[in-house]
Each structure stands twice: as structure tokens, then as C-alpha cells.
PDB file of N, CA and C in Angstrom:
ATOM      1  N   MET A   1     -19.379  -8.055  -2.611  1.00  0.00           N
ATOM      2  CA  MET A   1     -18.562  -7.541  -2.953  1.00  0.00           C
ATOM      3  C   MET A   1     -19.287  -7.030  -4.672  1.00  0.00           C
ATOM      4  N   GLY A   2     -18.649  -6.120  -5.115  1.00  0.00           N
ATOM      5  CA  GLY A   2     -18.483  -6.074  -6.262  1.00  0.00           C
ATOM      6  C   GLY A   2     -17.663  -6.370  -7.177  1.00  0.00           C
ATOM      7  N   GLY A   3     -17.956  -6.717  -8.712  1.00  0.00           N
ATOM      8  CA  GLY A   3     -16.864  -7.216  -9.277  1.00  0.00           C
ATOM      9  C   GLY A   3     -15.951  -6.156 -10.064  1.00  0.00           C
ATOM     10  N   GLN A   4     -16.261  -5.023 -10.059  1.00  0.00           N
ATOM     11  CA  GLN A   4     -15.205  -3.760 -10.768  1.00  0.00           C
ATOM     12  C   GLN A   4     -13.570  -4.462 -10.597  1.00  0.00           C
ATOM     13  N   ASN A   5     -13.190  -5.234  -9.345  1.00  0.00           N
ATOM     14  CA  ASN A   5     -11.528  -5.150  -9.134  1.00  0.00           C
ATOM     15  C   ASN A   5     -11.849  -6.890  -8.588  1.00  0.00           C
ATOM     16  N   GLY A   6     -11.083  -7.453  -9.817  1.00  0.00           N
ATOM     17  CA  GLY A   6     -10.120  -8.703  -9.141  1.00  0.00           C
ATOM     18  C   GLY A   6     -10.065  -8.592  -8.545  1.00  0.00           C
ATOM     19  N   GLY A   7      -8.825  -8.091  -6.949  1.00  0.00           N
ATOM     20  CA  GLY A   7      -8.412  -8.375  -5.491  1.00  0.00           C
ATOM     21  C   GLY A   7     -10.137  -8.677  -4.741  1.00  0.00           C
ATOM     22  N   ALA A   8     -10.555  -8.089  -4.923  1.00  0.00           N
ATOM     23  CA  ALA A   8     -12.115  -7.831  -4.041  1.00  0.00           C
ATOM     24  C   ALA A   8     -12.615  -9.457  -4.022  1.00  0.00           C
ATOM     25  N   LYS A   9     -12.378  -9.942  -5.283  1.00  0.00           N
ATOM     26  CA  LYS A   9     -13.700 -11.558  -4.583  1.00  0.00           C
ATOM     27  C   LYS A   9     -12.634 -12.600  -4.453  1.00  0.00           C
ATOM     28  N   ARG A  10     -11.200 -12.274  -4.390  1.00  0.00           N
ATOM     29  CA  ARG A  10     -10.397 -13.425  -3.734  1.00  0.00           C
ATOM     30  C   ARG A  10     -10.409 -13.077  -2.105  1.00  0.00           C
ATOM     31  N   GLU A  11     -10.091 -14.167  -2.207  1.00  0.00           N
ATOM     32  CA  GLU A  11     -10.372 -14.306  -0.166  1.00  0.00           C
ATOM     33  C   GLU A  11      -8.816 -13.758   0.595  1.00  0.00           C
ATOM     34  N   VAL A  12      -8.842 -13.266   1.605  1.00  0.00           N
ATOM     35  CA  VAL A  12      -7.754 -12.998   1.900  1.00  0.00           C
ATOM     36  C   VAL A  12      -7.111 -13.267   2.675  1.00  0.00           C
ATOM     37  N   ARG A  13      -6.246 -14.012   3.053  1.00  0.00           N
ATOM     38  CA  ARG A  13      -5.521 -14.438   3.808  1.00  0.00           C
ATOM     39  C   ARG A  13      -3.724 -14.313   4.607  1.00  0.00           C
ATOM     40  N   VAL A  14      -4.348 -13.363   5.579  1.00  0.00           N
ATOM     41  CA  VAL A  14      -3.086 -12.994   6.142  1.00  0.00           C
ATOM     42  C   VAL A  14      -2.691 -13.932   6.923  1.00  0.00           C
ATOM     43  N   PRO A  15      -1.302 -14.086   7.339  1.00  0.00           N
ATOM     44  CA  PRO A  15      -0.347 -15.377   7.907  1.00  0.00           C
ATOM     45  C   PRO A  15      -0.560 -14.185   9.208  1.00  0.00           C
ATOM     46  N   PRO A  16      -0.686 -15.543  10.318  1.00  0.00           N
ATOM     47  CA  PRO A  16      -0.480 -15.471  11.454  1.00  0.00           C
ATOM     48  C   PRO A  16       0.979 -14.537  12.259  1.00  0.00           C
ATOM     49  N   ASP A  17       2.078 -14.397  11.659  1.00  0.00           N
ATOM     50  CA  ASP A  17       3.142 -13.674  12.082  1.00  0.00           C
ATOM     51  C   ASP A  17       3.217 -12.147  11.460  1.00  0.00           C
ATOM     52  N   VAL A  18       2.182 -12.418  10.132  1.00  0.00           N
ATOM     53  CA  VAL A  18       2.257 -10.243  10.035  1.00  0.00           C
ATOM     54  C   VAL A  18       0.802  -9.810  10.680  1.00  0.00           C
ATOM     55  N   LYS A  19      -0.119 -10.358  11.085  1.00  0.00           N
ATOM     56  CA  LYS A  19      -1.245 -10.538  12.015  1.00  0.00           C
ATOM     57  C   LYS A  19      -0.515  -9.606  13.364  1.00  0.00           C
ATOM     58  N   GLU A  20       0.611 -10.547  13.876  1.00  0.00           N
ATOM     59  CA  GLU A  20       1.139  -9.831  14.938  1.00  0.00           C
ATOM     60  C   GLU A  20       1.937  -9.085  14.985  1.00  0.00           C
ATOM     61  N   ARG A  21       2.741  -8.988  13.767  1.00  0.00           N
ATOM     62  CA  ARG A  21       3.707  -8.050  13.909  1.00  0.00           C
ATOM     63  C   ARG A  21       3.038  -6.381  13.401  1.00  0.00           C
ATOM     64  N   TRP A  22       1.749  -6.263  11.979  1.00  0.00           N
ATOM     65  CA  TRP A  22       2.022  -5.265  11.793  1.00  0.00           C
ATOM     66  C   TRP A  22       0.019  -4.936  12.879  1.00  0.00           C
ATOM     67  N   LYS A  23       0.285  -3.923  13.539  1.00  0.00           N
ATOM     68  CA  LYS A  23      -0.941  -4.323  14.068  1.00  0.00           C
ATOM     69  C   LYS A  23      -1.551  -2.822  13.595  1.00  0.00           C
ATOM     70  N   THR A  24      -0.403  -1.633  13.353  1.00  0.00           N
ATOM     71  CA  THR A  24      -1.818  -0.424  12.428  1.00  0.00           C
ATOM     72  C   THR A  24      -0.526   0.350  11.222  1.00  0.00           C
ATOM     73  N   VAL A  25      -1.248   0.905  10.518  1.00  0.00           N
ATOM     74  CA  VAL A  25      -0.668   1.546   9.461  1.00  0.00           C
ATOM     75  C   VAL A  25      -0.774   2.663   9.447  1.00  0.00           C
ATOM     76  N   SER A  26       0.293   3.411   8.996  1.00  0.00           N
ATOM     77  CA  SER A  26       0.113   4.400   8.665  1.00  0.00           C
ATOM     78  C   SER A  26      -0.271   5.196   7.014  1.00  0.00           C
ATOM     79  N   ILE A  27      -0.969   5.838   7.094  1.00  0.00           N
ATOM     80  CA  ILE A  27      -1.577   6.441   6.135  1.00  0.00           C
ATOM     81  C   ILE A  27      -1.822   8.245   5.373  1.00  0.00           C
ATOM     82  N   LYS A  28      -1.384   8.324   4.147  1.00  0.00           N
ATOM     83  CA  LYS A  28      -2.403   9.998   4.188  1.00  0.00           C
ATOM     84  C   LYS A  28      -3.578   9.683   3.183  1.00  0.00           C
ATOM     85  N   PHE A  29      -4.797  10.978   4.300  1.00  0.00           N
ATOM     86  CA  PHE A  29      -5.811  10.465   3.470  1.00  0.00           C
ATOM     87  C   PHE A  29      -5.915  12.236   2.790  1.00  0.00           C
ATOM     88  N   ILE A  30      -6.353  12.236   1.847  1.00  0.00           N
ATOM     89  CA  ILE A  30      -6.558  13.477   0.849  1.00  0.00           C
ATOM     90  C   ILE A  30      -7.224  13.571   0.215  1.00  0.00           C
ATOM     91  N   ASP A  31      -8.200  14.869   0.791  1.00  0.00           N
ATOM     92  CA  ASP A  31      -9.071  15.735  -0.010  1.00  0.00           C
ATOM     93  C   ASP A  31      -8.584  16.093  -1.414  1.00  0.00           C
ATOM     94  N   LYS A  32      -9.195  15.722  -2.177  1.00  0.00           N
ATOM     95  CA  LYS A  32      -8.924  16.145  -3.275  1.00  0.00           C
ATOM     96  C   LYS A  32      -9.207  17.811  -3.722  1.00  0.00           C
ATOM     97  N   GLU A  33     -10.434  17.604  -3.194  1.00  0.00           N
ATOM     98  CA  GLU A  33     -11.489  19.253  -3.597  1.00  0.00           C
ATOM     99  C   GLU A  33     -10.860  20.645  -2.785  1.00  0.00           C
ATOM    100  N   LYS A  34     -10.912  19.676  -1.396  1.00  0.00           N
ATOM    101  CA  LYS A  34     -10.126  21.373  -0.339  1.00  0.00           C
ATOM    102  C   LYS A  34      -9.006  21.110  -0.438  1.00  0.00           C
ATOM    103  N   LYS A  35      -8.362  20.478  -1.217  1.00  0.00           N
ATOM    104  CA  LYS A  35      -6.644  20.220  -1.381  1.00  0.00           C
ATOM    105  C   LYS A  35      -6.028  20.422   0.088  1.00  0.00           C
ATOM    106  N   LYS A  36      -6.232  19.316   1.273  1.00  0.00           N
ATOM    107  CA  LYS A  36      -6.190  19.178   2.666  1.00  0.00           C
ATOM    108  C   LYS A  36      -5.602  17.465   2.140  1.00  0.00           C
ATOM    109  N   GLU A  37      -4.529  17.045   3.207  1.00  0.00           N
ATOM    110  CA  GLU A  37      -3.896  15.883   3.587  1.00  0.00           C
ATOM    111  C   GLU A  37      -3.835  15.928   5.163  1.00  0.00           C
ATOM    112  N   LYS A  38      -4.194  14.698   5.170  1.00  0.00           N
ATOM    113  CA  LYS A  38      -4.078  14.529   7.562  1.00  0.00           C
ATOM    114  C   LYS A  38      -3.066  13.284   7.061  1.00  0.00           C
ATOM    115  N   ALA A  39      -1.930  13.033   7.752  1.00  0.00           N
ATOM    116  CA  ALA A  39      -1.605  11.651   8.289  1.00  0.00           C
ATOM    117  C   ALA A  39      -2.164  11.048   9.627  1.00  0.00           C
ATOM    118  N   LEU A  40      -2.766   9.775   9.317  1.00  0.00           N
ATOM    119  CA  LEU A  40      -3.683   8.817   9.924  1.00  0.00           C
ATOM    120  C   LEU A  40      -2.595   7.401  10.615  1.00  0.00           C
ATOM    121  N   ILE A  41      -2.131   7.408  11.755  1.00  0.00           N
ATOM    122  CA  ILE A  41      -2.011   5.861  11.223  1.00  0.00           C
ATOM    123  C   ILE A  41      -3.598   5.379  12.083  1.00  0.00           C
ATOM    124  N   LEU A  42      -3.805   4.132  12.077  1.00  0.00           N
ATOM    125  CA  LEU A  42      -5.223   3.048  11.883  1.00  0.00           C
ATOM    126  C   LEU A  42      -4.691   2.032  12.395  1.00  0.00           C
ATOM    127  N   ASP A  43      -5.316   1.002  13.165  1.00  0.00           N
ATOM    128  CA  ASP A  43      -5.599  -0.286  13.667  1.00  0.00           C
ATOM    129  C   ASP A  43      -6.281  -0.720  12.611  1.00  0.00           C
ATOM    130  N   VAL A  44      -5.003  -2.029  12.667  1.00  0.00           N
ATOM    131  CA  VAL A  44      -6.123  -3.259  11.180  1.00  0.00           C
ATOM    132  C   VAL A  44      -6.764  -3.356  11.733  1.00  0.00           C
ATOM    133  N   GLY A  45      -7.766  -3.948  10.724  1.00  0.00           N
ATOM    134  CA  GLY A  45      -9.589  -5.020  11.641  1.00  0.00           C
ATOM    135  C   GLY A  45     -10.285  -3.527  12.320  1.00  0.00           C
ATOM    136  N   LYS A  46      -9.853  -2.839  12.528  1.00  0.00           N
ATOM    137  CA  LYS A  46     -10.975  -1.596  13.398  1.00  0.00           C
ATOM    138  C   LYS A  46     -11.097  -0.302  11.787  1.00  0.00           C
ATOM    139  N   GLU A  47     -12.365   0.380  12.261  1.00  0.00           N
ATOM    140  CA  GLU A  47     -12.744   1.439  11.917  1.00  0.00           C
ATOM    141  C   GLU A  47     -12.312   2.601  12.959  1.00  0.00           C
ATOM    142  N   THR A  48     -11.927   4.207  11.854  1.00  0.00           N
ATOM    143  CA  THR A  48     -11.429   4.642  12.734  1.00  0.00           C
ATOM    144  C   THR A  48     -12.177   6.113  11.699  1.00  0.00           C
ATOM    145  N   SER A  49     -12.806   7.008  12.192  1.00  0.00           N
ATOM    146  CA  SER A  49     -13.214   8.430  12.165  1.00  0.00           C
ATOM    147  C   SER A  49     -12.126   9.559  11.825  1.00  0.00           C
ATOM    148  N   ILE A  50     -11.957  10.252  10.879  1.00  0.00           N
ATOM    149  CA  ILE A  50     -11.635  11.078  10.283  1.00  0.00           C
ATOM    150  C   ILE A  50     -11.596  12.259  10.715  1.00  0.00           C
ATOM    151  N   PRO A  51     -10.384  12.598  11.418  1.00  0.00           N
ATOM    152  CA  PRO A  51     -10.970  14.306  12.110  1.00  0.00           C
ATOM    153  C   PRO A  51     -11.525  15.212  10.996  1.00  0.00           C
ATOM    154  N   ASP A  52     -12.835  16.249  11.716  1.00  0.00           N
ATOM    155  CA  ASP A  52     -12.985  17.116  10.538  1.00  0.00           C
ATOM    156  C   ASP A  52     -13.619  16.405   9.530  1.00  0.00           C
ATOM    157  N   THR A  53     -14.335  15.492   9.348  1.00  0.00           N
ATOM    158  CA  THR A  53     -15.354  14.808   8.085  1.00  0.00           C
ATOM    159  C   THR A  53     -16.140  14.054   8.780  1.00  0.00           C
ATOM    160  N   LYS A  54     -17.218  13.770   7.830  1.00  0.00           N
ATOM    161  CA  LYS A  54     -18.258  12.577   8.067  1.00  0.00           C
ATOM    162  C   LYS A  54     -18.071  11.264   8.232  1.00  0.00           C
ATOM    163  N   LEU A  55     -16.509  10.937   7.759  1.00  0.00           N
ATOM    164  CA  LEU A  55     -15.882   9.947   6.868  1.00  0.00           C
ATOM    165  C   LEU A  55     -15.333   8.841   7.643  1.00  0.00           C
ATOM    166  N   ALA A  56     -15.268   7.768   7.701  1.00  0.00           N
ATOM    167  CA  ALA A  56     -14.537   7.035   8.072  1.00  0.00           C
ATOM    168  C   ALA A  56     -13.617   5.696   7.379  1.00  0.00           C
ATOM    169  N   ILE A  57     -12.233   5.434   8.443  1.00  0.00           N
ATOM    170  CA  ILE A  57     -11.613   4.310   6.845  1.00  0.00           C
ATOM    171  C   ILE A  57     -11.430   3.408   7.973  1.00  0.00           C
ATOM    172  N   LYS A  58     -11.761   1.853   7.488  1.00  0.00           N
ATOM    173  CA  LYS A  58     -11.347   0.226   8.129  1.00  0.00           C
ATOM    174  C   LYS A  58     -10.651   0.041   7.128  1.00  0.00           C
ATOM    175  N   VAL A  59      -9.312  -0.461   8.390  1.00  0.00           N
ATOM    176  CA  VAL A  59      -8.357  -0.834   7.611  1.00  0.00           C
ATOM    177  C   VAL A  59      -8.879  -2.773   7.992  1.00  0.00           C
ATOM    178  N   GLU A  60      -9.421  -3.136   6.466  1.00  0.00           N
ATOM    179  CA  GLU A  60      -9.445  -4.784   6.617  1.00  0.00           C
ATOM    180  C   GLU A  60      -8.519  -5.697   6.729  1.00  0.00           C
ATOM    181  N   ALA A  61      -7.346  -5.190   5.985  1.00  0.00           N
ATOM    182  CA  ALA A  61      -6.078  -5.840   5.895  1.00  0.00           C
ATOM    183  C   ALA A  61      -4.987  -5.410   5.746  1.00  0.00           C
ATOM    184  N   PHE A  62      -3.908  -5.681   5.906  1.00  0.00           N
ATOM    185  CA  PHE A  62      -2.287  -4.935   5.522  1.00  0.00           C
ATOM    186  C   PHE A  62      -1.487  -6.245   5.396  1.00  0.00           C
ATOM    187  N   LEU A  63      -0.821  -6.397   4.785  1.00  0.00           N
ATOM    188  CA  LEU A  63      -0.049  -7.198   3.515  1.00  0.00           C
ATOM    189  C   LEU A  63       1.519  -6.859   3.407  1.00  0.00           C
ATOM    190  N   PRO A  64       2.489  -6.976   4.206  1.00  0.00           N
ATOM    191  CA  PRO A  64       4.024  -5.742   4.017  1.00  0.00           C
ATOM    192  C   PRO A  64       4.606  -6.707   2.231  1.00  0.00           C
ATOM    193  N   ASN A  65       3.881  -8.160   1.741  1.00  0.00           N
ATOM    194  CA  ASN A  65       4.333  -8.726   0.748  1.00  0.00           C
ATOM    195  C   ASN A  65       3.040  -9.036  -0.090  1.00  0.00           C
ATOM    196  N   TYR A  66       2.423  -8.428  -0.114  1.00  0.00           N
ATOM    197  CA  TYR A  66       1.121  -8.537  -1.347  1.00  0.00           C
ATOM    198  C   TYR A  66       1.872  -9.859  -2.612  1.00  0.00           C
ATOM    199  N   THR A  67       1.306 -10.079  -1.990  1.00  0.00           N
ATOM    200  CA  THR A  67       1.127 -11.831  -3.632  1.00  0.00           C
ATOM    201  C   THR A  67      -0.290 -11.944  -3.415  1.00  0.00           C
ATOM    202  N   ILE A  68      -0.515 -12.327  -5.200  1.00  0.00           N
ATOM    203  CA  ILE A  68      -1.787 -12.419  -5.362  1.00  0.00           C
ATOM    204  C   ILE A  68      -1.737 -14.185  -6.230  1.00  0.00           C
ATOM    205  N   PHE A  69      -2.853 -15.293  -5.769  1.00  0.00           N
ATOM    206  CA  PHE A  69      -2.622 -16.348  -6.576  1.00  0.00           C
ATOM    207  C   PHE A  69      -4.531 -16.616  -6.858  1.00  0.00           C
ATOM    208  N   ASP A  70      -4.138 -17.817  -7.990  1.00  0.00           N
ATOM    209  CA  ASP A  70      -6.168 -18.126  -7.786  1.00  0.00           C
ATOM    210  C   ASP A  70      -7.377 -17.645  -7.465  1.00  0.00           C
ATOM    211  N   GLU A  71      -6.335 -18.584  -6.238  1.00  0.00           N
ATOM    212  CA  GLU A  71      -8.070 -18.180  -5.010  1.00  0.00           C
ATOM    213  C   GLU A  71      -7.624 -17.414  -4.324  1.00  0.00           C
ATOM    214  N   TYR A  72      -6.495 -16.983  -3.905  1.00  0.00           N
ATOM    215  CA  TYR A  72      -6.504 -16.010  -2.813  1.00  0.00           C
ATOM    216  C   TYR A  72      -5.289 -15.189  -2.795  1.00  0.00           C
ATOM    217  N   ILE A  73      -5.313 -13.936  -2.166  1.00  0.00           N
ATOM    218  CA  ILE A  73      -3.959 -12.858  -1.854  1.00  0.00           C
ATOM    219  C   ILE A  73      -3.870 -13.061  -0.597  1.00  0.00           C
ATOM    220  N   THR A  74      -2.477 -12.657  -0.276  1.00  0.00           N
ATOM    221  CA  THR A  74      -1.323 -13.206   1.524  1.00  0.00           C
ATOM    222  C   THR A  74      -0.093 -12.381   0.723  1.00  0.00           C
ATOM    223  N   SER A  75       0.597 -12.420   1.466  1.00  0.00           N
ATOM    224  CA  SER A  75       1.536 -11.774   1.860  1.00  0.00           C
ATOM    225  C   SER A  75       2.797 -12.835   2.317  1.00  0.00           C
ATOM    226  N   LYS A  76       3.880 -13.298   0.793  1.00  0.00           N
ATOM    227  CA  LYS A  76       5.308 -14.349   0.765  1.00  0.00           C
ATOM    228  C   LYS A  76       5.697 -14.033   2.230  1.00  0.00           C
ATOM    229  N   ASN A  77       6.057 -13.280   2.842  1.00  0.00           N
ATOM    230  CA  ASN A  77       7.046 -13.283   4.258  1.00  0.00           C
ATOM    231  C   ASN A  77       6.380 -11.731   4.774  1.00  0.00           C
ATOM    232  N   ASN A  78       6.958 -11.365   5.826  1.00  0.00           N
ATOM    233  CA  ASN A  78       6.746 -10.612   6.597  1.00  0.00           C
ATOM    234  C   ASN A  78       7.934  -9.324   5.920  1.00  0.00           C
ATOM    235  N   GLU A  79       8.277  -9.089   5.081  1.00  0.00           N
ATOM    236  CA  GLU A  79       9.253  -7.885   4.778  1.00  0.00           C
ATOM    237  C   GLU A  79       8.411  -7.303   4.055  1.00  0.00           C
ATOM    238  N   PRO A  80       8.089  -5.821   4.507  1.00  0.00           N
ATOM    239  CA  PRO A  80       7.703  -4.624   3.510  1.00  0.00           C
ATOM    240  C   PRO A  80       7.927  -4.214   2.547  1.00  0.00           C
ATOM    241  N   GLU A  81       7.987  -5.286   1.446  1.00  0.00           N
ATOM    242  CA  GLU A  81       8.680  -5.743  -0.087  1.00  0.00           C
ATOM    243  C   GLU A  81       7.589  -4.420  -0.834  1.00  0.00           C
ATOM    244  N   ASN A  82       6.570  -5.167  -0.375  1.00  0.00           N
ATOM    245  CA  ASN A  82       5.172  -4.599  -1.584  1.00  0.00           C
ATOM    246  C   ASN A  82       3.991  -4.888  -1.051  1.00  0.00           C
ATOM    247  N   ALA A  83       4.092  -3.205   0.612  1.00  0.00           N
ATOM    248  CA  ALA A  83       3.123  -3.263   0.995  1.00  0.00           C
ATOM    249  C   ALA A  83       1.616  -2.906   0.487  1.00  0.00           C
ATOM    250  N   ALA A  84       0.602  -3.686   0.799  1.00  0.00           N
ATOM    251  CA  ALA A  84      -0.580  -3.016  -0.010  1.00  0.00           C
ATOM    252  C   ALA A  84      -1.659  -2.996   1.438  1.00  0.00           C
ATOM    253  N   VAL A  85      -2.791  -2.297   2.104  1.00  0.00           N
ATOM    254  CA  VAL A  85      -3.927  -2.301   2.473  1.00  0.00           C
ATOM    255  C   VAL A  85      -4.858  -1.768   1.615  1.00  0.00           C
ATOM    256  N   LEU A  86      -5.456  -3.097   2.412  1.00  0.00           N
ATOM    257  CA  LEU A  86      -7.272  -3.055   2.158  1.00  0.00           C
ATOM    258  C   LEU A  86      -7.642  -1.889   2.641  1.00  0.00           C
ATOM    259  N   VAL A  87      -8.551  -1.265   1.594  1.00  0.00           N
ATOM    260  CA  VAL A  87      -9.416   0.028   2.939  1.00  0.00           C
ATOM    261  C   VAL A  87     -10.465  -0.226   2.351  1.00  0.00           C
ATOM    262  N   GLU A  88     -11.251   0.172   3.123  1.00  0.00           N
ATOM    263  CA  GLU A  88     -13.067   1.057   3.016  1.00  0.00           C
ATOM    264  C   GLU A  88     -13.063   2.282   3.519  1.00  0.00           C
ATOM    265  N   LEU A  89     -13.411   2.931   2.488  1.00  0.00           N
ATOM    266  CA  LEU A  89     -14.330   4.736   2.934  1.00  0.00           C
ATOM    267  C   LEU A  89     -15.561   4.497   3.393  1.00  0.00           C
ATOM    268  N   LEU A  90     -15.632   5.359   5.120  1.00  0.00           N
ATOM    269  CA  LEU A  90     -17.259   4.747   4.807  1.00  0.00           C
ATOM    270  C   LEU A  90     -17.830   6.404   4.948  1.00  0.00           C
ATOM    271  N   GLU A  91     -19.072   6.258   4.573  1.00  0.00           N
ATOM    272  CA  GLU A  91     -19.491   7.732   4.871  1.00  0.00           C
ATOM    273  C   GLU A  91     -21.292   7.703   5.613  1.00  0.00           C
ATOM    274  N   GLY A  92     -21.060   8.208   7.088  1.00  0.00           N
ATOM    275  CA  GLY A  92     -22.105   7.627   7.802  1.00  0.00           C
ATOM    276  C   GLY A  92     -22.828   6.200   7.577  1.00  0.00           C
ATOM    277  N   GLY A  93     -21.782   5.138   8.333  1.00  0.00           N
ATOM    278  CA  GLY A  93     -21.513   3.831   8.273  1.00  0.00           C
ATOM    279  C   GLY A  93     -21.802   2.659   6.903  1.00  0.00           C
ATOM    280  N   LYS A  94     -21.979   3.740   5.840  1.00  0.00           N
ATOM    281  CA  LYS A  94     -22.275   3.187   4.493  1.00  0.00           C
ATOM    282  C   LYS A  94     -20.636   3.450   3.841  1.00  0.00           C
ATOM    283  N   GLY A  95     -20.383   1.844   2.912  1.00  0.00           N
ATOM    284  CA  GLY A  95     -19.461   1.711   2.105  1.00  0.00           C
ATOM    285  C   GLY A  95     -19.225   2.370   1.120  1.00  0.00           C
ATOM    286  N   VAL A  96     -18.437   3.286   0.867  1.00  0.00           N
ATOM    287  CA  VAL A  96     -18.228   4.534  -0.488  1.00  0.00           C
ATOM    288  C   VAL A  96     -17.397   4.009  -1.447  1.00  0.00           C
ATOM    289  N   SER A  97     -16.102   3.960  -0.437  1.00  0.00           N
ATOM    290  CA  SER A  97     -14.984   3.130  -1.872  1.00  0.00           C
ATOM    291  C   SER A  97     -14.493   2.249  -1.205  1.00  0.00           C
ATOM    292  N   LYS A  98     -13.621   1.022  -1.801  1.00  0.00           N
ATOM    293  CA  LYS A  98     -13.334  -0.431  -1.292  1.00  0.00           C
ATOM    294  C   LYS A  98     -12.305  -0.589  -1.701  1.00  0.00           C
ATOM    295  N   GLY A  99     -10.924  -0.971  -1.734  1.00  0.00           N
ATOM    296  CA  GLY A  99      -9.874  -1.879  -2.430  1.00  0.00           C
ATOM    297  C   GLY A  99      -8.526  -1.343  -1.622  1.00  0.00           C
ATOM    298  N   TRP A 100      -7.736  -1.829  -2.491  1.00  0.00           N
ATOM    299  CA  TRP A 100      -6.185  -2.233  -2.108  1.00  0.00           C
ATOM    300  C   TRP A 100      -5.380  -0.630  -2.914  1.00  0.00           C
ATOM    301  N   VAL A 101      -4.879  -0.333  -1.777  1.00  0.00           N
ATOM    302  CA  VAL A 101      -3.706   1.037  -1.285  1.00  0.00           C
ATOM    303  C   VAL A 101      -2.365   0.161  -1.981  1.00  0.00           C
ATOM    304  N   PHE A 102      -1.519  -0.047  -2.790  1.00  0.00           N
ATOM    305  CA  PHE A 102       0.048  -0.341  -2.543  1.00  0.00           C
ATOM    306  C   PHE A 102       1.118   1.134  -2.375  1.00  0.00           C
ATOM    307  N   GLU A 103       2.055   0.858  -1.333  1.00  0.00           N
ATOM    308  CA  GLU A 103       2.943   1.600  -1.378  1.00  0.00           C
ATOM    309  C   GLU A 103       3.769   2.208  -2.334  1.00  0.00           C
ATOM    310  N   ARG A 104       4.240   1.500  -3.256  1.00  0.00           N
ATOM    311  CA  ARG A 104       5.139   1.342  -4.212  1.00  0.00           C
ATOM    312  C   ARG A 104       4.363   1.556  -5.326  1.00  0.00           C
ATOM    313  N   LEU A 105       3.738   0.869  -5.962  1.00  0.00           N
ATOM    314  CA  LEU A 105       2.645   0.468  -7.031  1.00  0.00           C
ATOM    315  C   LEU A 105       1.294   1.225  -7.029  1.00  0.00           C
ATOM    316  N   SER A 106       1.407   2.562  -7.079  1.00  0.00           N
ATOM    317  CA  SER A 106       0.053   3.164  -6.894  1.00  0.00           C
ATOM    318  C   SER A 106      -0.929   2.906  -8.192  1.00  0.00           C
ATOM    319  N   ASP A 107      -0.366   2.178  -9.582  1.00  0.00           N
ATOM    320  CA  ASP A 107      -0.673   2.171 -10.699  1.00  0.00           C
ATOM    321  C   ASP A 107      -1.811   0.624 -10.578  1.00  0.00           C
ATOM    322  N   PHE A 108      -1.454   0.118  -9.522  1.00  0.00           N
ATOM    323  CA  PHE A 108      -2.265  -1.378  -9.193  1.00  0.00           C
ATOM    324  C   PHE A 108      -3.397  -1.322  -8.031  1.00  0.00           C
ATOM    325  N   ASN A 109      -3.570   0.142  -7.523  1.00  0.00           N
ATOM    326  CA  ASN A 109      -4.444   0.646  -6.322  1.00  0.00           C
ATOM    327  C   ASN A 109      -5.649   0.256  -7.262  1.00  0.00           C
ATOM    328  N   SER A 110      -6.722  -0.916  -6.613  1.00  0.00           N
ATOM    329  CA  SER A 110      -7.821  -0.406  -6.858  1.00  0.00           C
ATOM    330  C   SER A 110      -8.964  -0.702  -5.899  1.00  0.00           C
ATOM    331  N   TYR A 111      -8.364   0.668  -4.874  1.00  0.00           N
ATOM    332  CA  TYR A 111      -9.641   1.984  -4.637  1.00  0.00           C
ATOM    333  C   TYR A 111      -9.225   2.901  -5.568  1.00  0.00           C
ATOM    334  N   LYS A 112     -10.989   3.360  -5.316  1.00  0.00           N
ATOM    335  CA  LYS A 112     -10.629   4.684  -6.527  1.00  0.00           C
ATOM    336  C   LYS A 112     -11.785   5.363  -6.290  1.00  0.00           C
ATOM    337  N   ASN A 113     -11.586   6.886  -5.835  1.00  0.00           N
ATOM    338  CA  ASN A 113     -12.614   7.887  -5.060  1.00  0.00           C
ATOM    339  C   ASN A 113     -12.376   9.012  -6.174  1.00  0.00           C
ATOM    340  N   ASP A 114     -13.368   9.460  -6.456  1.00  0.00           N
ATOM    341  CA  ASP A 114     -13.354  10.827  -7.367  1.00  0.00           C
ATOM    342  C   ASP A 114     -13.417  12.078  -6.501  1.00  0.00           C
ATOM    343  N   LYS A 115     -13.612  11.527  -4.567  1.00  0.00           N
ATOM    344  CA  LYS A 115     -13.211  13.113  -3.663  1.00  0.00           C
ATOM    345  C   LYS A 115     -11.961  13.003  -3.144  1.00  0.00           C
ATOM    346  N   TYR A 116     -11.576  11.842  -2.486  1.00  0.00           N
ATOM    347  CA  TYR A 116     -10.520  11.359  -1.711  1.00  0.00           C
ATOM    348  C   TYR A 116      -9.547  10.285  -2.092  1.00  0.00           C
ATOM    349  N   ASP A 117      -8.568  10.402  -1.551  1.00  0.00           N
ATOM    350  CA  ASP A 117      -7.023  10.061  -2.343  1.00  0.00           C
ATOM    351  C   ASP A 117      -6.852   9.358  -0.851  1.00  0.00           C
ATOM    352  N   ILE A 118      -6.455   8.065  -0.738  1.00  0.00           N
ATOM    353  CA  ILE A 118      -4.863   7.857   0.036  1.00  0.00           C
ATOM    354  C   ILE A 118      -4.356   7.074  -0.305  1.00  0.00           C
ATOM    355  N   VAL A 119      -2.860   7.463   0.406  1.00  0.00           N
ATOM    356  CA  VAL A 119      -1.266   6.788   0.522  1.00  0.00           C
ATOM    357  C   VAL A 119      -1.134   6.286   1.641  1.00  0.00           C
ATOM    358  N   LEU A 120      -0.565   5.038   1.013  1.00  0.00           N
ATOM    359  CA  LEU A 120       0.504   4.187   2.125  1.00  0.00           C
ATOM    360  C   LEU A 120       1.591   4.863   2.211  1.00  0.00           C
TER     361      LEU A 120
END
């Protein structure tokens, strides 16, 4: 894990009730160069190929109410008040970009990529 974003080093603790309720997430995958976007529904914990590309996205965690502590990241409760998803973009099985994508606070996104954007 790279040290460029503070959240990547902290352990992510997904509460059992969150895991039970949120099995999929809806995202928008945006190709900035081709100016195309695709709406995708992804399974949490799985890697999904992106149609018409050589890319895949892995959703590592979804937190409906993201909160950060010194040692770990978790969800305050099960309500989508500060929703965030930890994603990794893969090309040919190798990680290209990884980080958090927030539904409402995109300025806090730690996921960065010059060609491809992800919106929750």
C-alpha cells in the first residue's frame, strides 16, 4: 500500500450489519479521454470487468457512514449519511489506482487517476 493517502494505511473495519445490508454499490465509471461514462452495479468484495475495456474494478469496502479514527476506518451506523467506497482500478490484473470515493464529498476522494474517474 502506498503512503500517498492517509486512509490507505489504516485498517478498514466494516461492521457486520453493514456487510449484511450493503452487498452491491452503484457507481459511474468515466473515461475522461473518450468522454464516455458507464453506470455499473458492483458486488462488494469482488472484482468486476468493465465492459468494452481491458479494465476491472474491485470494490474492497463500502461504508454508508464513513468515519475515520487514528487506527482504523469504519461506518458510524448503517445509514447512507457519508457514503464512501474503497475501490481499486485494475488493468491486466495489476492495480493501477486505488482509494476512497465519497458520494457527497468528492474533494476528499483519495482515488486519483488521470484517465478514469469513479463517482459513487
